[in-house]
Protein backbone atom coordinates (compact mmCIF):
# COMPACT_ATOMS: atom_id res chain seq x y z
CA MET A 1 20.42 -8.06 2.13
CA ALA A 2 20.10 -4.43 3.09
CA PHE A 3 21.14 -1.59 0.79
CA ASP A 4 24.50 -1.63 2.60
CA GLY A 5 27.88 -0.18 1.64
CA LEU A 6 28.83 -3.18 -0.51
CA PHE A 7 25.57 -3.09 -2.43
CA THR A 8 25.97 0.68 -2.75
CA ARG A 9 29.40 0.17 -4.31
CA ALA A 10 27.96 -2.22 -6.89
CA MET A 11 25.08 0.15 -7.66
CA VAL A 12 27.41 3.14 -8.00
CA LYS A 13 29.40 1.30 -10.66
CA GLU A 14 26.21 0.42 -12.55
CA LEU A 15 24.97 4.00 -12.43
CA ALA A 16 28.32 5.46 -13.43
CA ASP A 17 28.56 3.17 -16.46
CA CYS A 18 25.10 4.22 -17.67
CA LEU A 19 24.84 7.86 -16.69
CA VAL A 20 28.17 9.69 -16.53
CA GLY A 21 28.41 12.17 -19.38
CA GLY A 22 24.66 12.54 -19.69
CA ARG A 23 22.57 15.64 -19.06
CA VAL A 24 19.57 16.19 -16.82
CA ALA A 25 16.52 16.39 -19.09
CA LYS A 26 13.74 16.40 -16.51
CA ILE A 27 13.30 16.60 -12.74
CA SER A 28 10.24 15.40 -10.86
CA ALA A 29 9.29 14.45 -7.31
CA PRO A 30 6.38 12.00 -7.49
CA TYR A 31 6.42 11.31 -3.75
CA GLN A 32 7.64 12.87 -0.56
CA ASN A 33 11.41 12.49 -0.02
CA GLU A 34 11.90 11.01 -3.50
CA VAL A 35 13.24 12.62 -6.66
CA ILE A 36 13.57 11.34 -10.20
CA LEU A 37 16.22 12.86 -12.45
CA THR A 38 15.71 11.86 -16.07
CA ILE A 39 19.23 11.78 -17.50
CA ARG A 40 19.71 11.76 -21.24
CA ASN A 41 22.81 9.84 -22.25
CA GLN A 42 23.77 8.08 -25.47
CA ARG A 43 20.38 8.86 -27.03
CA LYS A 44 18.48 7.22 -24.22
CA ASN A 45 16.56 8.51 -21.20
CA TYR A 46 17.42 7.01 -17.82
CA PRO A 47 15.01 7.79 -14.94
CA LEU A 48 17.31 7.95 -11.92
CA LEU A 49 15.44 7.46 -8.66
CA LEU A 50 16.96 9.13 -5.59
CA SER A 51 15.00 8.12 -2.51
CA ALA A 52 15.49 9.41 1.02
CA HIS A 53 12.53 7.36 2.22
CA PRO A 54 12.91 6.37 5.90
CA THR A 55 12.35 2.68 5.10
CA TYR A 56 13.10 2.24 1.39
CA ALA A 57 15.95 4.72 0.83
CA ARG A 58 17.87 3.77 -2.30
CA THR A 59 19.05 4.87 -5.72
CA GLN A 60 18.56 3.08 -9.03
CA ILE A 61 17.47 3.46 -12.61
CA THR A 62 13.77 2.74 -12.43
CA GLU A 63 11.33 1.56 -15.06
CA ILE A 64 8.27 1.99 -12.85
CA PRO A 65 6.10 4.81 -14.27
CA TYR A 66 5.44 7.70 -11.91
CA SER A 67 3.04 10.61 -12.16
CA ASN A 68 3.99 14.13 -11.16
CA PRO A 69 2.05 16.02 -8.49
CA GLN A 70 0.16 19.13 -9.57
CA THR A 71 2.33 21.37 -7.39
CA PRO A 72 6.08 20.68 -7.21
CA THR A 73 7.83 20.85 -3.85
CA ASN A 74 10.25 23.65 -3.00
CA PHE A 75 13.15 21.22 -3.21
CA THR A 76 12.04 20.15 -6.69
CA MET A 77 11.97 23.78 -7.79
CA VAL A 78 15.49 24.31 -6.44
CA LEU A 79 16.75 21.22 -8.27
CA ARG A 80 15.13 22.41 -11.49
CA LYS A 81 16.77 25.80 -11.11
CA TYR A 82 20.26 24.40 -10.63
CA LEU A 83 20.32 21.00 -12.32
CA GLU A 84 18.17 21.16 -15.45
CA SER A 85 20.50 20.65 -18.44
CA ALA A 86 23.43 20.09 -16.05
CA LYS A 87 26.00 17.49 -17.08
CA LEU A 88 26.65 14.53 -14.80
CA SER A 89 30.43 14.37 -14.41
CA PHE A 90 30.81 11.59 -11.84
CA VAL A 91 29.03 9.16 -9.53
CA GLU A 92 31.11 8.22 -6.49
CA GLN A 93 30.72 6.46 -3.19
CA PHE A 94 32.26 7.92 -0.05
CA GLU A 95 34.64 5.19 1.12
CA ASN A 96 32.48 2.07 1.64
CA ASP A 97 29.66 3.99 3.26
CA ARG A 98 26.10 4.49 2.08
CA VAL A 99 26.81 8.00 0.86
CA ILE A 100 26.61 8.50 -2.90
CA ASN A 101 27.81 11.72 -4.52
CA PHE A 102 26.55 12.78 -7.93
CA GLY A 103 28.75 15.47 -9.43
CA PHE A 104 27.17 17.91 -11.88
CA VAL A 105 28.54 20.78 -13.91
CA THR A 106 26.27 23.62 -14.95
CA ARG A 107 26.62 27.35 -15.56
CA ASN A 108 25.58 30.26 -13.38
CA GLU A 109 23.86 33.48 -14.45
CA LEU A 110 27.18 34.87 -15.73
CA GLY A 111 27.88 31.81 -17.84
CA ASP A 112 30.69 30.57 -15.60
CA LYS A 113 30.99 26.89 -14.78
CA LEU A 114 29.34 25.91 -11.51
CA PRO A 115 30.23 22.50 -10.04
CA LEU A 116 27.45 21.05 -7.89
CA LEU A 117 27.21 17.99 -5.70
CA LEU A 118 24.00 16.08 -5.10
CA SER A 119 24.64 13.80 -2.15
CA LEU A 120 22.33 10.93 -1.25
CA GLU A 121 22.80 9.67 2.30
CA ILE A 122 21.14 6.32 2.91
CA MET A 123 20.77 6.12 6.68
CA GLY A 124 17.29 4.79 7.51
CA ARG A 125 15.06 7.48 8.97
CA TYR A 126 17.97 9.92 8.79
CA SER A 127 18.30 9.48 5.02
CA ASN A 128 18.62 12.73 3.11
CA LEU A 129 19.27 14.24 -0.30
CA ILE A 130 21.49 17.31 -0.24
CA LEU A 131 22.43 19.77 -3.00
CA VAL A 132 25.81 21.41 -2.35
CA ASP A 133 27.81 24.14 -4.08
CA GLN A 134 31.18 22.42 -4.50
CA GLU A 135 33.14 25.68 -4.72
CA THR A 136 31.91 27.06 -1.40
CA GLY A 137 30.95 23.84 0.35
CA LYS A 138 27.63 25.48 1.26
CA ILE A 139 24.32 23.63 1.18
CA ILE A 140 21.90 24.99 -1.40
CA ASP A 141 18.95 22.93 -0.17
CA THR A 142 17.99 19.53 1.24
CA VAL A 143 14.94 17.34 0.89
CA LYS A 144 14.80 17.17 4.72
CA HIS A 145 15.86 20.18 6.74
CA VAL A 146 17.75 19.37 9.95
CA SER A 147 18.30 22.24 12.38
CA MET A 148 20.89 22.51 15.13
CA ASP A 149 18.18 21.66 17.66
CA GLN A 150 17.72 18.30 15.95
CA ASN A 151 21.38 17.51 15.33
CA ARG A 152 24.20 19.35 17.08
CA TYR A 153 26.91 17.63 15.06
CA ARG A 154 25.80 19.06 11.74
CA THR A 155 23.10 21.37 10.47
CA LEU A 156 21.45 20.51 7.15
CA LEU A 157 19.89 23.80 6.12
CA PRO A 158 20.40 26.16 3.16
CA GLN A 159 23.64 28.17 3.47
CA ALA A 160 25.03 25.88 6.17
CA THR A 161 28.43 24.29 5.51
CA TYR A 162 28.04 20.69 4.43
CA ARG A 163 29.67 18.11 6.67
CA LEU A 164 29.79 14.38 6.11
CA PRO A 165 27.98 12.09 8.56
CA PRO A 166 30.09 11.27 11.63
CA SER A 167 32.59 8.45 11.19
CA GLN A 168 31.97 5.19 13.03
CA GLY A 169 35.66 4.37 13.16
CA LYS A 170 35.33 1.21 11.09
CA ILE A 171 37.81 -0.14 8.55
CA ASN A 172 37.18 0.33 4.85
CA PRO A 173 37.44 -3.29 3.62
CA PHE A 174 38.89 -2.14 0.29
CA LYS A 175 41.79 -0.46 2.12
CA ASP A 176 42.40 -3.04 4.85
CA GLU A 177 46.16 -3.48 4.94
CA SER A 178 45.99 -5.02 8.42
CA LYS A 179 43.92 -7.98 7.19
CA ALA A 180 41.69 -7.74 10.23
CA TYR A 181 39.55 -10.59 8.92
CA LEU A 182 42.32 -13.09 9.75
CA GLU A 183 42.27 -12.14 13.42
CA LEU A 184 38.47 -12.15 13.45
CA LEU A 185 38.36 -15.66 12.01
CA ARG A 186 40.88 -16.86 14.59
CA LYS A 187 38.97 -15.33 17.50
CA PHE A 188 35.45 -16.14 16.35
CA PRO A 189 35.20 -19.47 14.51
CA ASN A 190 31.42 -19.57 14.96
CA ARG A 191 29.65 -18.37 11.79
CA GLU A 192 27.08 -16.12 13.49
CA VAL A 193 29.56 -14.59 15.92
CA LEU A 194 32.10 -14.04 13.14
CA ALA A 195 29.49 -12.25 11.02
CA LYS A 196 28.51 -10.06 13.96
CA ASN A 197 32.12 -8.98 14.47
CA ILE A 198 32.66 -8.39 10.75
CA VAL A 199 29.80 -5.88 10.95
CA LYS A 200 31.44 -4.22 13.97
CA THR A 201 34.86 -4.08 12.33
CA TYR A 202 34.26 -3.27 8.67
CA GLN A 203 32.55 -0.33 7.07
CA GLY A 204 29.48 -0.95 4.92
CA PHE A 205 28.64 -4.52 5.97
CA SER A 206 25.09 -5.56 6.76
CA ARG A 207 24.46 -8.77 8.67
CA GLU A 208 23.52 -10.58 5.45
CA SER A 209 26.74 -9.54 3.67
CA ALA A 210 28.77 -10.50 6.72
CA LEU A 211 27.20 -13.97 6.80
CA ILE A 212 28.09 -14.50 3.13
CA LEU A 213 31.69 -13.48 3.80
CA ALA A 214 31.83 -15.69 6.91
CA ASP A 215 30.71 -18.67 4.83
CA ARG A 216 33.31 -17.91 2.16
CA LEU A 217 36.10 -17.69 4.74
CA HIS A 218 35.03 -20.97 6.34
CA GLU A 219 35.01 -22.77 2.99
CA THR A 220 38.69 -22.30 2.14
CA ARG A 221 42.19 -22.05 3.50
CA GLU A 222 43.11 -19.38 0.95
CA LEU A 223 41.68 -16.63 3.11
CA ASP A 224 43.32 -13.68 1.35
CA ASP A 225 42.06 -14.85 -2.03
CA ALA A 226 38.56 -15.51 -0.65
CA PHE A 227 38.36 -12.05 0.92
CA ALA A 228 39.62 -10.33 -2.24
CA ALA A 229 37.28 -12.36 -4.47
CA PHE A 230 34.35 -11.44 -2.25
CA LEU A 231 35.10 -7.73 -2.62
CA ARG A 232 35.69 -8.03 -6.38
CA GLU A 233 32.20 -9.42 -6.76
CA THR A 234 30.84 -5.89 -6.25
CA ASN A 235 32.41 -5.02 -9.61
CA ASN A 236 30.66 -7.95 -11.31
CA PRO A 237 27.50 -8.39 -9.26
CA HIS A 238 24.93 -11.18 -9.55
CA PRO A 239 21.57 -9.39 -9.09
CA THR A 240 19.40 -11.99 -7.39
CA ILE A 241 16.15 -12.15 -5.45
CA LEU A 242 16.09 -15.22 -3.25
CA GLU A 243 13.68 -16.89 -0.88
CA THR A 244 14.80 -17.09 2.75
CA ASP A 245 13.24 -18.17 6.04
CA LYS A 246 12.22 -14.56 6.61
CA GLY A 247 10.73 -14.07 3.14
CA LEU A 248 12.15 -12.59 -0.05
CA ASP A 249 15.53 -10.89 0.00
CA PHE A 250 17.94 -9.48 -2.59
CA THR A 251 21.69 -9.64 -3.01
CA CYS A 252 24.44 -8.60 -5.39
CA PHE A 253 26.47 -11.71 -4.52
CA LYS A 254 26.14 -15.13 -6.06
CA ALA A 255 23.49 -17.00 -4.07
CA SER A 256 23.61 -20.68 -3.17
CA SER A 257 19.85 -20.94 -2.57
CA GLU A 258 17.77 -23.01 -4.98
CA HIS A 259 14.83 -20.60 -4.99
CA VAL A 260 16.30 -17.61 -6.80
CA VAL A 261 15.36 -15.19 -9.56
CA THR A 262 18.22 -13.48 -11.37
CA PHE A 263 18.18 -10.15 -13.21
CA GLU A 264 20.32 -8.44 -15.81
CA THR A 265 20.94 -5.37 -13.68
CA LEU A 266 20.76 -4.31 -10.05
CA SER A 267 18.21 -1.65 -10.97
CA LEU A 268 15.83 -4.16 -12.52
CA MET A 269 16.16 -6.32 -9.43
CA ILE A 270 15.47 -3.40 -7.07
CA ASP A 271 12.44 -2.42 -9.16
CA ALA A 272 11.06 -5.94 -8.82
CA TYR A 273 11.83 -6.15 -5.10
CA TYR A 274 10.52 -2.76 -4.03
CA ARG A 275 7.65 -2.33 -6.49
CA GLU A 276 4.94 -3.70 -4.22
CA LYS A 277 6.57 -2.81 -0.89
CA ALA A 278 7.09 0.84 -1.78
CA THR A 279 3.67 1.11 -3.44
CA ARG A 280 1.92 -0.25 -0.33
CA ASP A 281 3.84 2.18 1.85
CA ARG A 282 2.96 5.14 -0.37
CA VAL A 283 -0.70 4.15 -0.44
CA MET A 284 -0.76 3.79 3.34
CA SER A 285 0.95 7.16 3.70
CA GLN A 286 -1.04 9.13 1.12
CA GLY A 287 -4.31 7.38 1.92
CA SER A 288 -4.00 7.56 5.71
CA LYS A 289 -6.88 10.04 5.94
CA LEU A 290 -9.11 7.81 3.81
CA ILE A 291 -8.14 4.71 5.78
CA HIS A 292 -8.93 6.48 9.06
CA VAL A 293 -12.36 7.62 7.85
CA ILE A 294 -13.31 4.20 6.48
CA LYS A 295 -12.09 2.43 9.61
CA ASN A 296 -14.13 4.70 11.89
CA ASP A 297 -17.27 4.48 9.74
CA LEU A 298 -17.00 0.71 9.55
CA SER A 299 -16.63 0.46 13.32
CA ARG A 300 -19.63 2.71 13.89
CA ASN A 301 -21.85 0.83 11.44
CA ARG A 302 -20.87 -2.57 12.80
CA LYS A 303 -21.79 -1.45 16.32
CA LYS A 304 -25.03 -0.05 14.95
CA LEU A 305 -25.82 -3.37 13.27
CA VAL A 306 -25.28 -5.29 16.52
CA LYS A 307 -27.63 -2.90 18.33
CA LEU A 308 -30.30 -3.15 15.62
CA GLU A 309 -30.15 -6.93 15.59
CA LYS A 310 -30.66 -6.94 19.36
CA GLU A 311 -33.69 -4.68 18.92
CA LEU A 312 -35.07 -6.96 16.23
CA LYS A 313 -34.60 -9.98 18.46
CA ALA A 314 -36.45 -8.19 21.22
CA THR A 315 -39.48 -7.79 18.94
CA GLU A 316 -39.76 -11.58 18.79
CA ASN A 317 -41.22 -11.38 22.33
CA ALA A 318 -43.86 -8.82 21.36
CA ASP A 319 -46.71 -11.34 21.70
CA GLU A 320 -45.80 -11.91 25.34
CA TYR A 321 -46.68 -8.28 26.08
CA ARG A 322 -50.02 -8.60 24.23
CA ILE A 323 -50.92 -11.78 26.10
CA LYS A 324 -50.04 -10.23 29.47
CA GLY A 325 -52.14 -7.18 28.62
CA GLU A 326 -55.12 -9.36 27.71
CA LEU A 327 -54.75 -11.46 30.87
CA LEU A 328 -54.66 -8.33 33.01
CA THR A 329 -57.78 -7.02 31.25
CA THR A 330 -59.59 -10.33 31.77
CA TYR A 331 -58.69 -10.62 35.46
CA LEU A 332 -58.95 -6.95 36.47
CA TYR A 333 -61.17 -7.91 39.41
CA GLN A 334 -58.28 -9.87 40.95
CA ILE A 335 -55.89 -6.90 40.88
CA THR A 336 -55.73 -3.89 43.18
CA ARG A 337 -53.66 -0.72 43.01
CA GLY A 338 -50.35 -1.03 44.86
CA MET A 339 -49.59 -4.60 43.80
CA THR A 340 -46.12 -5.15 42.27
CA GLU A 341 -46.89 -8.50 40.65
CA VAL A 342 -49.68 -10.96 40.07
CA THR A 343 -49.87 -14.60 38.97
CA LEU A 344 -52.69 -15.42 36.53
CA ASN A 345 -53.72 -18.50 34.57
CA ASN A 346 -52.80 -18.23 30.89
CA TYR A 347 -55.81 -19.47 28.95
CA TYR A 348 -53.68 -19.36 25.78
CA ASP A 349 -51.38 -22.05 27.20
CA HIS A 350 -53.48 -24.67 28.98
CA GLU A 351 -54.10 -22.48 32.03
CA LYS A 352 -50.42 -22.44 33.00
CA PRO A 353 -49.71 -19.79 35.66
CA VAL A 354 -47.93 -16.63 34.43
CA LYS A 355 -46.24 -14.15 36.76
CA ILE A 356 -46.81 -10.55 35.57
CA SER A 357 -44.91 -7.55 36.95
CA LEU A 358 -47.00 -4.50 37.86
CA SER A 359 -46.35 -0.87 38.70
CA ASN A 360 -47.69 -0.05 42.16
CA GLN A 361 -48.23 3.53 40.98
CA LEU A 362 -50.72 2.56 38.26
CA SER A 363 -54.27 1.28 38.33
CA PRO A 364 -54.99 -2.28 37.12
CA SER A 365 -56.33 -1.02 33.76
CA ALA A 366 -53.34 1.33 33.33
CA ASN A 367 -50.99 -1.60 33.90
CA ALA A 368 -52.82 -3.54 31.18
CA GLN A 369 -52.57 -0.56 28.80
CA LYS A 370 -48.84 -0.32 29.53
CA TYR A 371 -48.35 -3.87 28.21
CA PHE A 372 -50.51 -3.17 25.13
CA LYS A 373 -48.48 -0.04 24.34
CA ARG A 374 -45.23 -1.96 24.68
CA TYR A 375 -46.58 -4.62 22.33
CA GLN A 376 -47.65 -2.03 19.75
CA LYS A 377 -44.29 -0.25 19.93
CA LEU A 378 -42.37 -3.46 19.29
CA LYS A 379 -44.72 -4.44 16.48
CA ASN A 380 -44.23 -1.07 14.77
CA ALA A 381 -40.48 -1.31 15.28
CA VAL A 382 -40.15 -4.52 13.27
CA SER A 383 -40.50 -2.90 9.85
CA PHE A 384 -38.36 0.10 10.82
CA VAL A 385 -35.57 -1.99 12.37
CA THR A 386 -35.61 -4.45 9.47
CA ARG A 387 -35.22 -1.57 7.04
CA GLN A 388 -32.40 -0.06 9.10
CA ILE A 389 -30.60 -3.41 9.26
CA ASP A 390 -30.79 -3.69 5.48
CA LEU A 391 -29.44 -0.15 5.00
CA THR A 392 -26.67 -0.70 7.54
CA LYS A 393 -25.57 -3.95 5.89
CA LYS A 394 -25.43 -2.19 2.52
CA GLU A 395 -23.40 0.61 4.09
CA ILE A 396 -20.96 -1.90 5.58
CA ASP A 397 -20.65 -3.66 2.21
CA TYR A 398 -19.93 -0.33 0.52
CA LEU A 399 -17.33 0.70 3.10
CA GLU A 400 -15.66 -2.72 2.90
CA THR A 401 -15.52 -2.30 -0.88
CA ILE A 402 -13.76 1.06 -0.46
CA GLN A 403 -11.44 -0.48 2.13
CA ALA A 404 -10.54 -3.31 -0.26
CA GLN A 405 -9.94 -0.82 -3.07
CA ILE A 406 -7.54 1.19 -0.91
CA GLU A 407 -5.68 -2.00 0.03
CA LEU A 408 -5.29 -2.89 -3.66
CA ALA A 409 -4.80 0.67 -4.93
CA GLU A 410 -1.79 2.35 -6.40
CA PRO A 411 -1.12 5.96 -5.39
CA LYS A 412 -2.66 7.26 -8.64
CA ASP A 413 -5.98 5.55 -7.78
CA LEU A 414 -6.46 7.36 -4.47
CA GLN A 415 -7.69 10.61 -5.98
CA ASP A 416 -10.84 9.02 -7.40
CA ILE A 417 -11.52 7.30 -4.08
CA GLU A 418 -11.08 10.56 -2.18
CA LEU A 419 -13.41 12.37 -4.59
CA GLU A 420 -16.02 9.64 -4.19
CA LEU A 421 -15.88 9.88 -0.40
CA GLU A 422 -16.17 13.67 -0.56
CA LYS A 423 -19.24 13.47 -2.80
CA GLY A 424 -20.74 10.83 -0.52
CA GLY A 425 -20.32 13.06 2.52
CA TYR A 426 -17.78 10.82 4.22
CA LEU A 427 -15.03 13.42 3.89
CA GLU A 428 -15.29 17.14 4.42
CA THR A 429 -14.40 19.18 1.37
CA LYS A 430 -11.94 21.83 2.44
CA ASN A 431 -11.84 25.23 0.74
CA LYS A 432 -15.05 24.60 -1.16
CA ALA A 433 -14.88 28.03 -2.78
CA LYS A 434 -11.40 27.36 -4.11
CA LYS A 435 -11.56 25.17 -7.19
CA LYS A 436 -8.98 22.46 -7.50
CA PRO A 437 -7.11 22.07 -10.79
CA ARG A 438 -9.01 19.78 -13.11
CA GLN A 439 -7.52 16.32 -12.97
CA SER A 440 -7.57 13.87 -15.84
CA LYS A 441 -9.77 10.85 -15.23
CA SER A 442 -7.86 7.83 -14.06
CA LYS A 443 -8.00 4.94 -16.48
CA PRO A 444 -8.70 1.27 -15.81
CA GLU A 445 -5.73 -1.06 -15.90
CA THR A 446 -5.30 -3.29 -18.93
CA PHE A 447 -4.06 -6.88 -19.08
CA VAL A 448 -3.51 -9.11 -22.10
CA ALA A 449 -4.73 -12.70 -21.97
CA SER A 450 -2.60 -15.55 -23.30
CA ASP A 451 -4.49 -15.50 -26.60
CA GLY A 452 -4.06 -11.72 -27.00
CA THR A 453 -7.52 -10.64 -25.77
CA GLU A 454 -7.50 -7.41 -23.78
CA ILE A 455 -8.88 -7.53 -20.24
CA SER A 456 -9.75 -4.26 -18.47
CA ILE A 457 -10.10 -3.83 -14.73
CA GLY A 458 -11.46 -0.97 -12.63
CA LYS A 459 -9.36 -0.13 -9.55
CA ASN A 460 -11.99 2.05 -7.84
CA ASN A 461 -15.75 2.62 -8.02
CA TYR A 462 -15.58 5.50 -10.50
CA GLN A 463 -13.45 3.40 -12.81
CA ASN A 464 -15.81 0.46 -12.29
CA ASP A 465 -18.85 2.54 -13.28
CA ARG A 466 -17.19 4.07 -16.32
CA LEU A 467 -15.79 0.74 -17.45
CA THR A 468 -18.96 -1.32 -17.01
CA LEU A 469 -21.67 1.19 -17.85
CA LYS A 470 -20.05 3.47 -20.43
CA THR A 471 -16.92 2.01 -22.00
CA ALA A 472 -17.61 -1.71 -22.37
CA LYS A 473 -19.64 -2.93 -25.33
CA LYS A 474 -22.89 -4.70 -24.47
CA ASP A 475 -21.74 -8.06 -25.80
CA TYR A 476 -18.44 -8.02 -23.88
CA TYR A 477 -18.13 -10.16 -20.76
CA TRP A 478 -18.15 -8.78 -17.21
CA LEU A 479 -16.70 -10.59 -14.18
CA HIS A 480 -16.83 -10.00 -10.43
CA VAL A 481 -16.12 -12.06 -7.34
CA LYS A 482 -19.36 -13.44 -5.94
CA ASN A 483 -20.69 -11.58 -2.88
CA VAL A 484 -17.27 -10.09 -2.03
CA PRO A 485 -15.91 -6.54 -2.54
CA GLY A 486 -13.71 -6.38 -5.61
CA SER A 487 -13.01 -4.86 -9.00
CA HIS A 488 -15.13 -4.98 -12.14
CA VAL A 489 -13.34 -6.91 -14.88
CA ILE A 490 -14.23 -6.68 -18.57
CA VAL A 491 -13.11 -9.16 -21.22
CA ASN A 492 -13.04 -7.11 -24.42
CA SER A 493 -14.53 -9.85 -26.57
CA ASP A 494 -18.00 -11.14 -27.39
CA SER A 495 -16.77 -14.73 -27.65
CA PRO A 496 -13.81 -15.23 -25.30
CA SER A 497 -12.15 -18.61 -24.98
CA ASP A 498 -12.48 -20.65 -21.80
CA GLU A 499 -8.81 -19.95 -21.08
CA THR A 500 -9.35 -16.19 -21.35
CA LEU A 501 -12.41 -16.30 -19.09
CA THR A 502 -10.42 -18.29 -16.54
CA GLU A 503 -7.56 -15.78 -16.67
CA ALA A 504 -10.02 -12.91 -16.30
CA ALA A 505 -11.59 -14.69 -13.32
CA ILE A 506 -8.15 -15.04 -11.72
CA ILE A 507 -7.62 -11.29 -12.21
CA ALA A 508 -11.02 -10.58 -10.62
CA ALA A 509 -10.19 -12.84 -7.67
CA TYR A 510 -6.76 -11.26 -7.23
CA TYR A 511 -8.19 -7.72 -7.20
CA SER A 512 -10.75 -8.50 -4.53
CA LYS A 513 -10.97 -9.06 -0.81
CA SER A 514 -10.53 -12.78 -1.53
CA ARG A 515 -6.99 -12.27 -2.86
CA ALA A 516 -5.51 -14.58 -0.22
CA SER A 517 -8.23 -17.26 -0.58
CA ALA A 518 -8.41 -20.40 -2.70
CA ASN A 519 -11.25 -21.67 -4.87
CA VAL A 520 -12.84 -18.22 -5.19
CA ALA A 521 -16.28 -18.00 -6.84
CA VAL A 522 -16.31 -15.50 -9.72
CA ASP A 523 -19.51 -14.65 -11.61
CA PHE A 524 -19.40 -13.79 -15.31
CA VAL A 525 -22.11 -12.46 -17.58
CA GLN A 526 -22.46 -10.28 -20.65
CA VAL A 527 -22.48 -6.54 -20.01
CA LYS A 528 -25.99 -6.16 -21.44
CA LYS A 529 -27.38 -8.09 -18.47
CA ILE A 530 -25.99 -5.61 -15.95
CA ARG A 531 -27.87 -2.58 -14.68
CA LYS A 532 -27.43 0.01 -11.98
CA PRO A 533 -30.41 0.69 -9.68
CA ASN A 534 -31.54 4.29 -9.32
CA GLY A 535 -29.78 5.99 -6.45
CA ALA A 536 -27.24 3.20 -6.01
CA LYS A 537 -23.78 4.05 -4.73
CA PRO A 538 -20.83 4.18 -7.14
CA GLY A 539 -19.67 0.76 -8.24
CA PHE A 540 -22.90 -1.03 -7.29
CA VAL A 541 -24.70 -2.98 -10.02
CA ILE A 542 -27.11 -5.89 -10.23
CA TYR A 543 -27.17 -8.65 -12.81
CA GLU A 544 -28.87 -11.88 -13.79
CA GLY A 545 -28.21 -14.94 -15.91
CA GLN A 546 -24.65 -15.28 -14.66
CA LYS A 547 -22.43 -18.34 -14.61
CA THR A 548 -19.75 -19.01 -12.01
CA LEU A 549 -16.11 -20.03 -12.23
CA TYR A 550 -13.99 -21.19 -9.29
CA VAL A 551 -10.37 -20.04 -9.39
CA THR A 552 -7.39 -19.41 -7.12
CA PRO A 553 -5.57 -16.05 -7.37
CA ASP A 554 -2.12 -16.40 -8.94
CA LYS A 555 0.28 -13.48 -8.52
CA GLU A 556 2.78 -14.82 -11.06
CA LEU A 557 0.07 -15.09 -13.71
CA ILE A 558 -1.13 -11.56 -12.87
CA GLU A 559 2.38 -10.16 -13.40
CA LYS A 560 2.74 -12.11 -16.63
CA LEU A 561 -0.56 -10.84 -18.06
CA LYS A 562 0.16 -7.30 -16.86
CA HIS A 563 3.52 -7.12 -18.61
CA ALA A 564 2.27 -8.82 -21.77
CA LYS A 565 0.72 -5.57 -22.98
């Protein structure tokens, strides 16, 4: 289901139970349009995610680790100024809409109490996070500024008066004294049509929620009780991720589907549901420049390879030019200037006649020399073109490796990839004279095998090089998908079990371009048998004496081994 008004109501109750009475200990904005308030309550820190993302807008207590950017946004600085150490006094939903108000109490410069409102509006691409002075009703700042030119109904700028989003004229289901659902059920007995009209009539219903209510109303004659029980379920939700015809979905209502995964809290469920979706979106957003560069370079090199292969194929006919030149030299007496073609017997092929084109501007001997020169040019081109084909194929392999790494990356991995592309000349380095703040080196990801053995994996070429060539001991085992771009995997043991090697191979297959394939070939060998050729690009190594395992990537196993640490 969508993060609709009903789900919002359930989430607000969960957040209020955990957070009200706590104080803001830390404020960060790891990504654009998203803020994390770390609220300290009952001797525990709760990272509260407030997202105004156009696709994944939501709020929850998150357990996903985030890293802070080097330079905080202006909105983050404003929040730190007003909300650090502020006490959270309430969490409320506006009617049954997707507007959540977080009430804070802090003190101004004079020491007087200052009530503030942080309002999260979940409205798709119009989602916003707004800090308001409750005493004056004035906006202090917003994560997205909206001028009068963009929205005539309300301006969302500092010092503007805060107005709620325009009403849609729908009924709040929790205050429905008219029992509109009875009339809807009478008029629209069809399940789909009933659900559609529930959405039109009631505030805060998504199509999925409306379908659940429609089913409940059709299952009983006690309609009032069924409607009331449905609404009460938001107070005692059943956090569930279920499998539908359209893929995975989540709900706070009890699901009848057989393929479900339940969670203790709504926040844990939302973390599980959005973890990969939001990460992919952030990578695509933050890495758009890298993706564009790689895509263009790949296209150019693939076109170049096609052209080179055509040139190489053309050299296969080089001997034809030599033979024609020799025939012209032998039969010069039969040729006169001005002829455009001549047919001669080919003494190399049982005197079969050969038609040879001539230039009427050249003498017979000059025409012969023209064919000899063409032959020599093609012959000389063979070694050059062959070398260029080899270099171009290596370049394509390298770019495909980078492309695969971006596809599998998390936002924190992009910096190493960008630095690698800058050093390789694929990206222009802006403001070369201005030194960037020194960044800490990103670390390989660690998994724990079923028997407790640690398995390390590089997520980009710099990590791969450090892991394989500097960090790993020589008697540890190294794994990589055979002849396919992917991550370097190290089993931190000199005598791993067959089960551990298989699990490491599954990790290697999963973090490669063969992630969606079955029966993937994965080479493994001890680190001491790996070396890096002089001048090789980052991440490129050669090895010998390897053995090969055949495995199928398993996402569930990956998650299990990842969270075992």
